[in-house]
Protein backbone atom coordinates (compact mmCIF):
# COMPACT_ATOMS: atom_id res chain seq x y z
CA MET A 1 97.51 119.74 109.54
CA ARG A 2 101.10 120.09 108.32
CA GLN A 3 102.03 122.01 105.24
CA ILE A 4 105.42 123.19 104.18
CA LEU A 5 106.17 125.86 101.51
CA LEU A 6 109.02 124.79 99.17
CA THR A 7 111.11 127.86 98.68
CA ALA A 8 114.05 127.02 96.47
CA VAL A 9 114.19 128.59 93.00
CA VAL A 10 115.24 126.05 90.36
CA THR A 11 115.67 125.92 86.61
CA PHE A 12 113.18 124.34 84.20
CA ALA A 13 114.78 121.81 81.76
CA LEU A 14 113.24 120.69 78.46
CA ALA A 15 116.03 118.44 77.20
CA SER A 16 113.94 115.28 77.27
CA PHE A 17 111.05 116.78 75.36
CA THR A 18 110.71 116.56 71.59
CA PRO A 19 111.34 119.96 69.96
CA GLY A 20 108.15 121.59 68.67
CA HIS A 21 105.97 119.87 71.26
CA THR A 22 106.89 121.81 74.43
CA ARG A 23 105.93 125.12 75.93
CA ALA A 24 107.73 127.56 78.09
CA ALA A 25 107.50 126.65 81.76
CA PRO A 26 104.73 128.23 83.82
CA VAL A 27 105.66 129.54 87.27
CA TYR A 28 104.13 127.82 90.36
CA THR A 29 104.23 128.10 94.08
CA PHE A 30 104.51 124.53 95.51
CA THR A 31 103.11 123.70 98.88
CA ALA A 32 103.81 120.33 100.52
CA VAL A 33 100.85 118.77 102.32
CA ASP A 34 101.14 116.11 105.00
CA HIS A 35 98.14 114.67 106.86
CA PRO A 36 98.87 114.87 110.62
CA ASN A 37 98.26 111.15 111.05
CA ALA A 38 100.38 110.03 108.11
CA THR A 39 103.40 107.89 108.93
CA VAL A 40 104.02 106.41 105.44
CA GLY A 41 102.67 109.19 103.09
CA THR A 42 99.94 111.54 101.97
CA GLY A 43 98.48 111.43 98.44
CA LEU A 44 96.33 114.15 96.93
CA GLY A 45 93.90 113.39 94.18
CA HIS A 46 91.62 115.83 92.34
CA ILE A 47 90.76 119.45 93.27
CA ASN A 48 87.57 121.33 92.49
CA ASN A 49 87.06 125.02 91.78
CA ALA A 50 86.41 125.81 95.46
CA GLY A 51 89.83 124.48 96.36
CA GLN A 52 88.50 121.35 97.99
CA ILE A 53 90.88 118.38 97.59
CA VAL A 54 90.42 114.66 98.10
CA GLY A 55 93.06 112.10 98.82
CA PHE A 56 94.28 109.65 101.38
CA TYR A 57 97.01 109.22 103.97
CA GLU A 58 98.80 106.00 104.86
CA ASP A 59 99.92 104.70 108.23
CA ILE A 60 100.88 101.27 109.54
CA SER A 61 97.27 100.11 109.36
CA GLY A 62 96.69 101.06 105.74
CA GLU A 63 95.16 103.89 103.70
CA HIS A 64 92.51 106.39 104.96
CA ALA A 65 90.47 108.72 102.77
CA PHE A 66 90.00 112.40 103.53
CA LEU A 67 88.57 115.70 102.20
CA ARG A 68 90.80 118.72 102.61
CA ASP A 69 88.77 121.92 102.64
CA ALA A 70 89.86 125.28 101.15
CA ALA A 71 91.17 126.40 104.62
CA GLY A 72 93.46 123.35 104.92
CA ASN A 73 91.34 121.36 107.38
CA PHE A 74 91.17 117.61 106.92
CA VAL A 75 87.78 115.77 107.17
CA PRO A 76 87.93 111.92 107.38
CA ILE A 77 85.84 109.93 104.92
CA THR A 78 84.59 106.72 106.54
CA VAL A 79 82.87 104.35 104.13
CA PRO A 80 80.25 102.01 105.53
CA GLY A 81 81.48 98.37 105.18
CA ALA A 82 85.15 99.33 104.61
CA THR A 83 87.64 97.25 106.49
CA ASP A 84 90.91 98.75 105.23
CA ASN A 85 92.50 100.90 102.51
CA THR A 86 89.89 103.61 101.72
CA ARG A 87 90.97 106.14 99.11
CA ALA A 88 89.24 109.22 97.70
CA PHE A 89 90.21 110.22 94.14
CA GLY A 90 87.68 112.62 92.58
CA ILE A 91 85.52 115.54 93.62
CA ASN A 92 83.23 117.71 91.52
CA ASN A 93 82.17 121.35 92.10
CA GLY A 94 79.08 120.25 93.90
CA GLY A 95 81.15 118.47 96.51
CA GLN A 96 80.33 114.92 95.41
CA ILE A 97 83.32 112.55 96.07
CA VAL A 98 84.29 109.21 94.53
CA GLY A 99 86.88 106.67 95.42
CA ASP A 100 87.22 103.05 96.48
CA TYR A 101 87.66 100.78 99.58
CA ARG A 102 88.38 97.19 100.51
CA ASP A 103 86.25 94.89 102.57
CA GLY A 104 88.71 92.14 102.95
CA SER A 105 89.67 90.55 99.59
CA GLU A 106 87.45 92.76 97.43
CA ARG A 107 87.65 96.36 96.23
CA HIS A 108 84.49 98.46 95.66
CA GLY A 109 83.80 101.92 94.43
CA PHE A 110 81.84 104.53 96.32
CA LEU A 111 80.05 107.80 95.71
CA ARG A 112 79.74 110.22 98.61
CA SER A 113 77.16 112.99 98.39
CA ALA A 114 77.83 116.49 99.56
CA SER A 115 75.63 115.77 102.53
CA GLY A 116 77.75 112.70 103.53
CA SER A 117 75.54 109.77 102.26
CA PHE A 118 77.17 106.83 100.43
CA THR A 119 76.28 104.88 97.30
CA ALA A 120 78.23 101.69 96.35
CA ILE A 121 79.58 101.55 92.82
CA GLU A 122 80.03 98.11 91.26
CA ALA A 123 80.80 97.77 87.60
CA PRO A 124 78.87 94.94 85.82
CA GLY A 125 81.31 92.11 85.03
CA ALA A 126 83.70 93.05 87.79
CA ALA A 127 85.50 90.20 89.54
CA ASN A 128 86.30 91.50 93.04
CA PHE A 129 87.59 94.84 91.82
CA THR A 130 85.94 98.15 90.92
CA GLY A 131 88.01 101.37 91.07
CA VAL A 132 86.35 104.86 90.87
CA PHE A 133 88.51 107.81 89.95
CA ASP A 134 86.51 110.92 89.01
CA ILE A 135 83.10 112.55 88.77
CA ASN A 136 81.97 115.60 86.76
CA GLY A 137 79.30 118.15 87.33
CA SER A 138 76.59 116.02 85.71
CA GLY A 139 77.38 113.10 88.01
CA GLN A 140 79.16 111.04 85.31
CA ILE A 141 81.69 108.84 86.94
CA VAL A 142 84.73 107.09 85.47
CA GLY A 143 86.98 104.27 86.74
CA ASP A 144 88.02 100.77 85.93
CA TYR A 145 87.18 97.18 86.83
CA ARG A 146 88.83 93.85 86.55
CA ASP A 147 87.07 91.05 84.82
CA GLY A 148 87.22 87.24 85.51
CA SER A 149 90.28 86.90 83.20
CA GLY A 150 92.21 89.54 85.17
CA ILE A 151 91.90 92.16 82.40
CA PHE A 152 91.09 95.74 83.40
CA HIS A 153 88.50 97.78 81.55
CA GLY A 154 87.64 101.48 81.85
CA PHE A 155 84.06 102.54 82.41
CA LEU A 156 81.74 105.50 82.29
CA ARG A 157 78.76 105.52 84.69
CA ASP A 158 76.02 108.04 84.07
CA SER A 159 73.98 109.75 86.77
CA ALA A 160 71.18 107.14 86.28
CA GLY A 161 73.59 104.31 87.01
CA THR A 162 74.06 103.06 83.55
CA PHE A 163 77.57 101.75 82.74
CA THR A 164 79.51 102.01 79.41
CA THR A 165 82.70 99.94 79.05
CA ILE A 166 85.67 101.85 77.73
CA ASP A 167 88.43 99.86 76.04
CA SER A 168 91.03 101.57 73.91
CA PRO A 169 91.14 99.89 70.51
CA ASN A 170 94.90 99.64 70.89
CA ALA A 171 94.78 97.98 74.30
CA THR A 172 95.82 94.28 74.59
CA THR A 173 95.89 93.91 78.37
CA GLY A 174 93.90 96.73 79.96
CA THR A 175 92.34 100.17 79.96
CA GLU A 176 91.56 102.55 82.85
CA ALA A 177 89.66 105.85 82.82
CA THR A 178 90.99 108.30 85.37
CA GLY A 179 89.48 111.82 84.65
CA ILE A 180 86.38 113.39 83.11
CA ASN A 181 85.39 117.04 82.66
CA ASP A 182 81.95 118.62 82.38
CA ALA A 183 81.94 118.25 78.54
CA GLY A 184 82.28 114.52 78.86
CA GLN A 185 85.89 114.29 77.69
CA ILE A 186 87.67 111.44 79.39
CA VAL A 187 91.40 110.70 79.92
CA GLY A 188 93.08 107.54 81.00
CA ASP A 189 95.69 105.00 79.94
CA TYR A 190 95.80 101.66 78.16
CA ARG A 191 98.36 98.88 77.99
CA ASP A 192 99.73 97.06 74.99
CA SER A 193 102.85 95.04 74.30
CA SER A 194 105.11 98.16 74.51
CA GLY A 195 103.73 99.48 77.82
CA ARG A 196 101.33 102.08 79.01
CA HIS A 197 99.95 104.89 76.84
CA GLY A 198 97.60 107.83 77.52
CA PHE A 199 94.41 108.49 75.70
CA LEU A 200 91.74 111.22 75.29
CA ARG A 201 88.17 110.06 74.60
CA ASN A 202 85.78 112.72 73.35
CA ALA A 203 82.05 112.87 74.23
CA GLU A 204 81.19 110.99 71.11
CA GLY A 205 83.41 108.08 72.14
CA ASN A 206 86.37 108.58 69.81
CA ILE A 207 89.70 107.77 71.38
CA THR A 208 92.95 109.55 70.58
CA PRO A 209 96.15 107.90 72.02
CA PHE A 210 99.13 110.00 73.04
CA ASP A 211 102.51 109.62 74.74
CA ALA A 212 104.43 112.29 76.61
CA PRO A 213 107.76 113.17 74.99
CA GLY A 214 110.46 111.31 76.97
CA ALA A 215 108.09 108.60 78.07
CA VAL A 216 109.70 105.16 77.89
CA ASN A 217 107.97 103.19 80.64
CA GLY A 218 104.45 104.69 80.45
CA THR A 219 102.28 107.80 80.11
CA PHE A 220 99.64 108.22 82.87
CA PRO A 221 97.06 110.98 82.52
CA GLY A 222 95.31 112.03 85.77
CA ASP A 223 92.75 114.67 84.99
CA ILE A 224 91.32 116.97 82.35
CA ASP A 225 90.01 120.49 82.94
CA ALA A 226 87.09 122.34 81.31
CA ALA A 227 89.32 123.80 78.61
CA GLY A 228 90.67 120.33 77.69
CA GLN A 229 94.10 120.60 79.27
CA ILE A 230 95.36 117.28 80.59
CA VAL A 231 97.67 116.65 83.55
CA GLY A 232 99.46 113.47 84.48
CA PHE A 233 102.95 112.02 84.58
CA TYR A 234 105.25 109.82 82.58
CA ALA A 235 107.91 107.32 83.39
CA ASP A 236 111.39 107.76 81.71
CA ALA A 237 113.99 105.16 80.84
CA PHE A 238 115.06 104.97 84.48
CA ASP A 239 111.45 104.47 85.59
CA LEU A 240 111.51 107.94 87.26
CA TYR A 241 108.18 109.88 87.16
CA HIS A 242 107.84 113.41 85.74
CA GLY A 243 104.68 115.52 85.83
CA PHE A 244 103.24 117.08 82.67
CA LEU A 245 100.54 119.44 81.46
CA ARG A 246 99.28 118.81 77.87
CA ASP A 247 97.42 121.67 76.21
CA THR A 248 94.67 121.35 73.67
CA GLY A 249 97.18 121.64 70.79
CA GLY A 250 99.02 118.69 72.04
CA ASN A 251 102.04 120.57 73.40
CA PHE A 252 103.59 119.34 76.63
CA THR A 253 104.96 121.26 79.62
CA LEU A 254 107.16 119.46 82.14
CA ILE A 255 106.26 120.17 85.81
CA GLU A 256 108.41 118.91 88.68
CA VAL A 257 108.25 119.52 92.43
CA PRO A 258 111.57 121.03 93.53
CA GLY A 259 113.79 118.54 95.13
CA ALA A 260 111.64 115.55 94.19
CA SER A 261 112.94 112.33 92.76
CA ASP A 262 109.40 111.54 91.35
CA THR A 263 106.41 113.88 90.68
CA GLU A 264 102.91 112.61 89.95
CA ILE A 265 100.10 114.95 89.04
CA TYR A 266 96.53 113.91 89.51
CA GLY A 267 94.33 117.06 89.55
CA ILE A 268 93.78 120.40 87.92
CA ASN A 269 90.98 122.93 88.49
CA ALA A 270 89.72 125.99 86.57
CA ALA A 271 92.36 128.25 88.13
CA GLY A 272 95.11 125.91 86.96
CA VAL A 273 95.98 124.76 90.44
CA LEU A 274 97.56 121.30 90.35
CA THR A 275 97.54 118.50 92.93
CA GLY A 276 99.36 115.27 93.34
CA TYR A 277 102.24 113.83 95.34
CA TYR A 278 105.94 113.29 95.10
CA PHE A 279 108.86 111.33 96.53
CA GLU A 280 112.14 112.77 97.87
CA GLY A 281 114.28 109.68 97.21
CA GLY A 282 112.79 107.15 99.54
CA ASP A 283 109.53 105.30 100.15
CA THR A 284 107.69 108.17 101.90
CA TYR A 285 105.53 110.31 99.78
CA ARG A 286 103.98 113.77 100.29
CA GLY A 287 101.06 115.57 98.78
CA PHE A 288 101.57 118.88 96.96
CA ILE A 289 99.57 121.85 95.68
CA ALA A 290 101.14 123.74 92.69
CA THR A 291 99.61 127.16 92.43
CA PRO A 292 100.20 129.38 89.32
CA VAL A 293 101.52 132.74 90.45
CA THR A 294 98.51 134.49 88.81
CA ALA A 295 95.99 132.25 90.66
CA THR A 296 94.41 133.05 94.05
CA VAL A 297 94.05 130.12 96.40
CA PRO A 298 93.82 129.79 100.21
CA GLU A 299 97.60 129.22 100.75
CA PRO A 300 100.15 131.49 102.45
CA ALA A 301 102.19 133.68 100.14
CA SER A 302 105.48 132.19 99.11
CA LEU A 303 108.35 132.50 96.69
CA ALA A 304 107.32 131.45 93.11
CA LEU A 305 109.01 128.30 91.81
CA LEU A 306 109.72 126.85 88.48
CA GLY A 307 109.44 123.11 87.77
CA VAL A 308 112.77 121.20 87.74
CA GLY A 309 113.55 118.23 85.53
CA LEU A 310 116.27 115.86 84.44
CA LEU A 311 118.54 116.14 87.38
CA GLY A 312 119.65 112.55 87.45
CA PHE A 313 117.95 111.40 90.64
CA THR A 314 118.50 107.87 91.90
CA LEU A 315 115.76 105.32 91.40
CA THR A 316 113.29 105.15 94.20
CA GLY A 317 110.75 102.62 95.36
CA ARG A 318 107.21 104.08 94.85
CA ARG A 319 103.86 103.19 93.50
CA ARG A 320 101.14 104.78 91.47
CA TYR A 321 98.05 106.30 93.10
CA TYR A 322 95.65 104.48 90.78
CA SER A 323 95.07 100.88 90.94
CA PRO A 324 96.13 98.54 88.00
CA GLY A 325 99.77 97.39 88.08
């Protein structure tokens, strides 16, 4: 395992955010996380309250899923039938893990129990593609699938295996569901003629769209915590990615990994610890853990950092963790 503590202190910038819709910057300690076998990159997905994190690393042969325990040890996740590109995205407090894998030309979802047994997840109506992104404490699972016309639809799968399709009423070319909390609130994004937009779906099925201030080329929610706080990232006019936290009042906080050209946030737990990955100006990506200075997690002590934003980084080649393009 390789992990590096980022130790520069930098200044938080709010210039791109709409006045009246931002909060003062929280203080975080950022820890870079690299899988020891990664040659291309390491991506971190969601984190549970025990500090367990799921994700994947990439080498020349493709993507490989893992569980990172609270002590920082990596456990490989090997899905039966997978031939390449296995990714783990979500984990609940019971240790159940969800993700997806390829078996040649098709992508399938999986559920891994805490004991290590696997269940295949296939959305009804899927044409060679089911992506699975998160699971809550009740065993409800969210993700997306592609239909025969090439359109993506979000879904909710309950613990009995019943699927409910989720389509934003504003979507014209696709919807994906990426996070769910124990109250059944779901976040994701949808696409229309103007681009990608975030949404929050309550337990009754009502959908509220939102865009991060400064978003020009898309808003991409990644997760929602028990309190209803949402994390994710947005793309600005230069197609650079910036992390955000949206509180229950709709106020946004910009969160950036120091020195990063792009920051993508995918997970948040009850302690407010954030997970995701970032780029430093090239094609290689690295996982990160952002720990609030008031939180206690199994990481070495380090200098507290503020998020940095709007520093005019050059455009980089990178891709989103989740599936639809």
